[in-house]
């Protein structure tokens, strides 16, 4: 289960990077969002 969550989080990160954040600040926000969602998924 944890492996699947990490795999999904990695794919989300790749997609966000491919779409392009435009700025370093945007990239930081995306990474923060991914981290929060991964932690939430691990809690449930």
C-alpha atoms as a PDB file:
ATOM      1  CA  UNK A   1       0.000   0.000   0.000  1.00  0.00           C
ATOM      2  CA  UNK A   2       2.749   2.435   0.955  1.00  0.00           C
ATOM      3  CA  UNK A   3       4.609   1.563  -2.211  1.00  0.00           C
ATOM      4  CA  UNK A   4       1.539   2.365  -4.308  1.00  0.00           C
ATOM      5  CA  UNK A   5       1.080   5.737  -2.554  1.00  0.00           C
ATOM      6  CA  UNK A   6       4.718   6.639  -3.165  1.00  0.00           C
ATOM      7  CA  UNK A   7       4.425   5.614  -6.793  1.00  0.00           C
ATOM      8  CA  UNK A   8       1.329   7.780  -7.267  1.00  0.00           C
ATOM      9  CA  UNK A   9       3.060  10.696  -5.536  1.00  0.00           C
ATOM     10  CA  UNK A  10       6.063  10.296  -7.819  1.00  0.00           C
ATOM     11  CA  UNK A  11       3.834  10.299 -10.918  1.00  0.00           C
ATOM     12  CA  UNK A  12       2.026  13.406  -9.685  1.00  0.00           C
ATOM     13  CA  UNK A  13       5.380  15.116  -9.204  1.00  0.00           C
ATOM     14  CA  UNK A  14       6.497  14.168 -12.712  1.00  0.00           C
ATOM     15  CA  UNK A  15       3.266  15.439 -14.244  1.00  0.00           C
ATOM     16  CA  UNK A  16       3.496  18.728 -12.372  1.00  0.00           C
ATOM     17  CA  UNK A  17       7.087  19.204 -13.464  1.00  0.00           C
ATOM     18  CA  UNK A  18       6.207  18.441 -17.076  1.00  0.00           C
ATOM     19  CA  UNK A  19       3.317  20.898 -17.049  1.00  0.00           C
ATOM     20  CA  UNK A  20       5.691  23.531 -15.737  1.00  0.00           C
ATOM     21  CA  UNK A  21       5.418  25.659 -12.686  1.00  0.00           C
ATOM     22  CA  UNK A  22       6.778  28.843 -14.235  1.00  0.00           C
ATOM     23  CA  UNK A  23       8.686  29.892 -11.143  1.00  0.00           C
ATOM     24  CA  UNK A  24      10.764  28.415  -8.356  1.00  0.00           C
ATOM     25  CA  UNK A  25       8.063  29.551  -5.923  1.00  0.00           C
ATOM     26  CA  UNK A  26       5.456  27.590  -7.872  1.00  0.00           C
ATOM     27  CA  UNK A  27       7.654  24.502  -7.785  1.00  0.00           C
ATOM     28  CA  UNK A  28       8.023  24.873  -4.006  1.00  0.00           C
ATOM     29  CA  UNK A  29       4.261  25.106  -3.594  1.00  0.00           C
ATOM     30  CA  UNK A  30       3.770  21.979  -5.707  1.00  0.00           C
ATOM     31  CA  UNK A  31       6.325  20.038  -3.681  1.00  0.00           C
ATOM     32  CA  UNK A  32       4.673  21.156  -0.448  1.00  0.00           C
ATOM     33  CA  UNK A  33       1.263  20.063  -1.750  1.00  0.00           C
ATOM     34  CA  UNK A  34       2.597  16.658  -2.815  1.00  0.00           C
ATOM     35  CA  UNK A  35       4.241  16.160   0.583  1.00  0.00           C
ATOM     36  CA  UNK A  36       1.044  17.047   2.444  1.00  0.00           C
ATOM     37  CA  UNK A  37      -1.091  14.728   0.323  1.00  0.00           C
ATOM     38  CA  UNK A  38       1.409  11.879   0.688  1.00  0.00           C
ATOM     39  CA  UNK A  39       1.398  12.280   4.468  1.00  0.00           C
ATOM     40  CA  UNK A  40      -2.404  12.340   4.518  1.00  0.00           C
ATOM     41  CA  UNK A  41      -2.528   9.168   2.428  1.00  0.00           C
ATOM     42  CA  UNK A  42      -0.150   7.416   4.791  1.00  0.00           C
ATOM     43  CA  UNK A  43      -2.320   8.313   7.791  1.00  0.00           C
ATOM     44  CA  UNK A  44      -5.391   6.617   6.317  1.00  0.00           C
END
